Amino acid sequence: MIGIYLSGTGNTEHCIKKLLFLLDKTAQAVPMEQKDAGHLLSPHDFIVFAYPIQFSNIPVMVRDFIKIHQNLWKHKKILCVATMGLFSGDGAGCAARLLKKYGAEIVGGSHIRMPDSICDVKLLKRSPEQNLKIIRTADRKIEKCAEGIRNGIYPKDGLFFYDRIAGLLGQRLWYCRKTKNYSDKLKISNVCTGCGLCTQVCPMENLILKNGKAAAGKHCTMCYRCISLCPAKAITLLGCAVIEQCRYDKYVKRR
């Protein structure tokens, strides 16, 4: 057993590592941007595939990873784990359908609600107490999921036809332009200090330092990692200013 994941603000990383630990303490969780990720997955028959949901769709980087490694999935048993802020519909199903196209056997799907990482939209901001409650509920769901899998019962979140309709009508049709391609909308303000942290953490290597300031390319996968880690709060994507830097590790310290 092995896990592969994309995580922007720590939510998905926490969920897949906790689930893997409960199922197999020796199982490795591999970040999707790791250069040898495909090679590490190859010997394993069972893969936990985890990612955040964006507007009821999978990030473009995740979609590309599946396609680039299309020869890898044949006959693999895969559990899709989708983390979400509020709603996803068929979040697990989005990747499951693509993986199945390349020969994978989808054994299950799980939707796990975590604190919303969209920290530049005021409407989505929650209190630390609310976020802690969300994390505790998520942990209980992961524990229940692991117990079921040990007994041969897999969750089926997001895998049914009605889930697909919910995801399609709920968000995907309305926001298809945001998730169809990589984004070129990342904004960097003049308060950038040129520390270079964002260039180090971007999974797409989409950020560089130019004339002592961070500069963005056109291949943002909207993971929010740079936005949530920028010390100067200089980077935004949807909103105009960073309201709060929402990260899993920030809330876990309060537990």
Protein backbone atom coordinates (compact mmCIF):
# COMPACT_ATOMS: atom_id res chain seq x y z
CA MET A 1 0.00 0.00 0.00
CA ILE A 2 1.12 3.53 -0.82
CA GLY A 3 -0.43 6.98 -1.00
CA ILE A 4 -0.06 9.78 -3.54
CA TYR A 5 -1.34 13.27 -2.82
CA LEU A 6 -1.48 16.94 -3.70
CA SER A 7 -1.78 19.23 -0.70
CA GLY A 8 -1.71 23.00 -0.69
CA THR A 9 -2.32 24.00 2.92
CA GLY A 10 -1.79 20.70 4.74
CA ASN A 11 -5.38 19.44 4.77
CA THR A 12 -4.99 16.62 2.27
CA GLU A 13 -1.55 15.69 3.59
CA HIS A 14 -2.97 15.27 7.08
CA CYS A 15 -5.90 13.17 5.89
CA ILE A 16 -3.93 10.73 3.74
CA LYS A 17 -1.15 10.29 6.30
CA LYS A 18 -3.63 9.60 9.09
CA LEU A 19 -5.58 7.12 6.95
CA LEU A 20 -2.44 5.32 5.79
CA PHE A 21 -1.09 5.11 9.34
CA LEU A 22 -4.33 3.51 10.54
CA LEU A 23 -4.29 1.00 7.68
CA ASP A 24 -0.58 0.24 7.44
CA LYS A 25 1.97 1.95 9.67
CA THR A 26 4.71 1.27 7.10
CA ALA A 27 2.83 2.84 4.16
CA GLN A 28 4.46 5.87 2.51
CA ALA A 29 2.61 9.02 1.46
CA VAL A 30 4.25 10.58 -1.60
CA PRO A 31 3.66 14.22 -2.64
CA MET A 32 2.57 14.45 -6.26
CA GLU A 33 5.27 16.95 -7.18
CA GLN A 34 8.05 14.56 -6.13
CA LYS A 35 10.08 13.75 -9.23
CA ASP A 36 10.12 9.98 -8.71
CA ALA A 37 6.48 9.71 -7.59
CA GLY A 38 5.45 7.50 -10.52
CA HIS A 39 8.40 5.18 -9.97
CA LEU A 40 7.52 4.80 -6.29
CA LEU A 41 3.89 3.94 -7.07
CA SER A 42 4.68 1.31 -9.67
CA PRO A 43 5.37 -1.76 -7.42
CA HIS A 44 2.20 -1.30 -5.35
CA ASP A 45 -1.15 -2.91 -6.08
CA PHE A 46 -3.16 -0.69 -3.71
CA ILE A 47 -2.94 3.11 -3.93
CA VAL A 48 -4.68 5.81 -1.89
CA PHE A 49 -5.07 8.81 -4.21
CA ALA A 50 -5.76 12.08 -2.39
CA TYR A 51 -6.30 15.68 -3.50
CA PRO A 52 -8.29 18.85 -2.72
CA ILE A 53 -11.47 19.68 -4.62
CA GLN A 54 -11.78 22.97 -6.49
CA PHE A 55 -15.28 24.02 -7.58
CA SER A 56 -16.38 20.34 -7.61
CA ASN A 57 -13.46 19.40 -9.83
CA ILE A 58 -9.93 18.04 -9.45
CA PRO A 59 -6.95 20.39 -9.77
CA VAL A 60 -5.40 20.49 -13.24
CA MET A 61 -2.10 19.22 -11.81
CA VAL A 62 -3.88 16.10 -10.53
CA ARG A 63 -5.58 15.54 -13.88
CA ASP A 64 -2.26 15.89 -15.68
CA PHE A 65 -0.52 13.52 -13.25
CA ILE A 66 -3.08 10.82 -13.99
CA LYS A 67 -2.72 11.29 -17.75
CA ILE A 68 1.08 11.46 -17.75
CA HIS A 69 1.24 8.19 -15.80
CA GLN A 70 -1.68 6.56 -17.63
CA ASN A 71 0.20 3.28 -18.10
CA LEU A 72 0.67 2.99 -14.35
CA TRP A 73 -2.97 2.58 -13.30
CA LYS A 74 -3.91 -0.64 -15.07
CA HIS A 75 -5.09 -3.31 -12.60
CA LYS A 76 -4.25 -1.08 -9.60
CA LYS A 77 -6.79 -0.94 -6.77
CA ILE A 78 -7.36 2.70 -5.92
CA LEU A 79 -9.17 4.50 -3.12
CA CYS A 80 -9.87 8.14 -4.02
CA VAL A 81 -9.85 10.62 -1.13
CA ALA A 82 -11.11 14.15 -1.81
CA THR A 83 -10.80 16.95 0.73
CA MET A 84 -13.22 19.86 0.48
CA GLY A 85 -14.17 23.09 2.17
CA LEU A 86 -17.94 22.73 2.00
CA PHE A 87 -19.30 20.85 -1.03
CA SER A 88 -17.89 18.63 -3.75
CA GLY A 89 -20.69 16.44 -5.12
CA ASP A 90 -18.58 13.87 -6.93
CA GLY A 91 -15.13 15.01 -5.85
CA ALA A 92 -13.82 11.45 -5.50
CA GLY A 93 -15.64 10.44 -8.66
CA CYS A 94 -13.86 13.05 -10.80
CA ALA A 95 -10.51 11.30 -10.42
CA ALA A 96 -12.08 7.84 -10.18
CA ARG A 97 -13.61 8.10 -13.66
CA LEU A 98 -10.32 9.16 -15.22
CA LEU A 99 -8.32 6.49 -13.40
CA LYS A 100 -10.88 3.86 -14.40
CA LYS A 101 -10.46 4.94 -18.03
CA TYR A 102 -6.81 3.90 -17.76
CA GLY A 103 -7.60 0.50 -16.29
CA ALA A 104 -7.70 1.13 -12.54
CA GLU A 105 -10.07 -0.72 -10.23
CA ILE A 106 -11.77 1.88 -8.02
CA VAL A 107 -12.44 0.25 -4.66
CA GLY A 108 -13.92 3.30 -2.95
CA GLY A 109 -14.13 7.04 -2.48
CA SER A 110 -14.12 9.26 0.58
CA HIS A 111 -15.02 12.94 0.98
CA ILE A 112 -13.46 14.66 3.97
CA ARG A 113 -14.40 18.17 4.94
CA MET A 114 -11.50 20.27 6.22
CA PRO A 115 -11.02 23.99 7.01
CA ASP A 116 -11.41 26.00 3.81
CA SER A 117 -8.05 27.09 2.45
CA ILE A 118 -9.50 29.96 0.41
CA CYS A 119 -8.04 32.64 2.64
CA ASP A 120 -8.51 35.65 0.35
CA VAL A 121 -12.33 35.52 0.30
CA LYS A 122 -13.91 36.99 3.44
CA LEU A 123 -17.20 35.15 2.95
CA LEU A 124 -15.50 31.78 3.52
CA LYS A 125 -13.62 32.74 6.70
CA ARG A 126 -14.42 30.76 9.85
CA SER A 127 -13.35 31.15 13.44
CA PRO A 128 -10.50 29.03 14.87
CA GLU A 129 -13.05 27.22 17.04
CA GLN A 130 -15.14 26.30 13.99
CA ASN A 131 -12.09 25.07 12.13
CA LEU A 132 -10.98 22.94 15.06
CA LYS A 133 -14.42 21.35 15.19
CA ILE A 134 -14.18 20.58 11.46
CA ILE A 135 -10.77 18.91 11.96
CA ARG A 136 -12.02 16.77 14.85
CA THR A 137 -15.02 15.64 12.79
CA ALA A 138 -12.70 14.83 9.89
CA ASP A 139 -10.42 12.76 12.13
CA ARG A 140 -13.40 10.74 13.35
CA LYS A 141 -14.50 10.10 9.77
CA ILE A 142 -10.99 8.95 8.80
CA GLU A 143 -10.91 6.58 11.78
CA LYS A 144 -14.32 5.18 10.83
CA CYS A 145 -13.18 4.82 7.21
CA ALA A 146 -10.07 2.90 8.25
CA GLU A 147 -12.08 0.59 10.50
CA GLY A 148 -14.48 -0.17 7.66
CA ILE A 149 -11.66 -0.88 5.20
CA ARG A 150 -10.03 -3.27 7.67
CA ASN A 151 -13.34 -5.14 7.67
CA GLY A 152 -13.57 -5.10 3.87
CA ILE A 153 -16.10 -2.26 3.68
CA TYR A 154 -15.04 0.70 1.55
CA PRO A 155 -16.70 4.13 1.54
CA LYS A 156 -18.40 5.12 -1.72
CA ASP A 157 -18.56 8.90 -1.45
CA GLY A 158 -18.92 10.67 -4.79
CA LEU A 159 -18.98 7.53 -6.93
CA PHE A 160 -22.65 7.31 -7.84
CA PHE A 161 -24.49 8.88 -10.78
CA TYR A 162 -26.50 11.22 -8.57
CA ASP A 163 -23.24 12.48 -7.03
CA ARG A 164 -22.03 13.34 -10.51
CA ILE A 165 -25.21 15.29 -11.23
CA ALA A 166 -24.85 17.15 -7.93
CA GLY A 167 -21.24 18.11 -8.69
CA LEU A 168 -22.07 19.10 -12.24
CA LEU A 169 -25.08 21.27 -11.44
CA GLY A 170 -23.82 22.45 -8.06
CA GLN A 171 -20.56 24.01 -9.22
CA ARG A 172 -18.74 22.45 -12.15
CA LEU A 173 -20.90 23.92 -14.92
CA TRP A 174 -20.72 27.38 -13.39
CA TYR A 175 -16.98 27.39 -12.74
CA CYS A 176 -15.67 25.20 -15.57
CA ARG A 177 -13.41 27.96 -16.86
CA LYS A 178 -11.63 28.17 -13.51
CA THR A 179 -10.70 24.49 -13.46
CA LYS A 180 -10.33 23.63 -17.14
CA ASN A 181 -6.78 24.95 -17.42
CA TYR A 182 -4.02 26.22 -15.18
CA SER A 183 -4.67 29.73 -13.85
CA ASP A 184 -2.80 32.87 -14.88
CA LYS A 185 -4.63 35.00 -12.28
CA LEU A 186 -2.15 34.81 -9.40
CA LYS A 187 -1.49 38.33 -8.12
CA ILE A 188 1.60 39.50 -6.24
CA SER A 189 1.50 42.90 -4.56
CA ASN A 190 4.27 45.41 -3.89
CA VAL A 191 4.55 44.28 -0.27
CA CYS A 192 6.46 41.21 -1.49
CA THR A 193 9.86 41.14 0.24
CA GLY A 194 11.50 38.75 -2.22
CA CYS A 195 12.13 36.11 0.44
CA GLY A 196 11.71 33.34 -2.15
CA LEU A 197 9.63 31.01 0.02
CA CYS A 198 6.85 30.83 -2.57
CA THR A 199 9.29 29.72 -5.27
CA GLN A 200 10.37 26.83 -3.03
CA VAL A 201 6.91 25.54 -2.10
CA CYS A 202 5.03 25.85 -5.41
CA PRO A 203 4.32 22.31 -6.69
CA MET A 204 4.20 23.59 -10.27
CA GLU A 205 7.46 25.59 -10.06
CA ASN A 206 5.30 28.44 -11.33
CA LEU A 207 6.98 31.17 -9.27
CA ILE A 208 10.39 32.75 -9.73
CA LEU A 209 12.29 35.69 -8.28
CA LYS A 210 12.65 38.55 -10.73
CA ASN A 211 14.37 41.81 -9.81
CA GLY A 212 14.15 40.90 -6.14
CA LYS A 213 10.40 40.19 -6.23
CA ALA A 214 8.30 37.09 -6.78
CA ALA A 215 6.80 36.73 -10.25
CA ALA A 216 4.14 34.26 -11.33
CA GLY A 217 3.81 32.31 -14.55
CA LYS A 218 0.65 30.95 -16.14
CA HIS A 219 0.64 27.47 -14.63
CA CYS A 220 -0.95 27.95 -11.19
CA THR A 221 -2.83 24.84 -10.06
CA MET A 222 -4.70 26.90 -7.43
CA CYS A 223 -3.45 24.90 -4.44
CA TYR A 224 -3.11 28.06 -2.32
CA ARG A 225 0.19 26.90 -0.85
CA CYS A 226 2.05 30.14 -1.64
CA ILE A 227 -0.85 32.31 -0.48
CA SER A 228 -1.11 30.51 2.84
CA LEU A 229 2.64 30.57 3.51
CA CYS A 230 3.71 34.02 2.27
CA PRO A 231 5.10 35.91 5.33
CA ALA A 232 4.16 39.26 3.79
CA LYS A 233 0.65 38.14 2.72
CA ALA A 234 1.55 39.48 -0.71
CA ILE A 235 -0.12 36.83 -2.89
CA THR A 236 -3.79 36.47 -3.79
CA LEU A 237 -5.80 34.55 -6.37
CA LEU A 238 -9.57 35.02 -6.09
CA GLY A 239 -9.79 37.96 -3.72
CA CYS A 240 -7.87 41.22 -3.49
CA ALA A 241 -6.25 40.72 -0.09
CA VAL A 242 -5.36 37.87 2.28
CA ILE A 243 -8.02 37.71 4.98
CA GLU A 244 -6.42 34.88 6.93
CA GLN A 245 -3.68 32.34 6.27
CA CYS A 246 -5.54 29.06 6.74
CA ARG A 247 -3.29 26.07 7.26
CA TYR A 248 -3.86 22.76 8.99
CA ASP A 249 -0.69 23.09 11.09
CA LYS A 250 -1.92 26.44 12.43
CA TYR A 251 -5.02 24.87 13.93
CA VAL A 252 -3.41 21.66 15.13
CA LYS A 253 -1.28 23.73 17.56
CA ARG A 254 -4.48 24.84 19.28
CA ARG A 255 -5.68 21.29 19.92
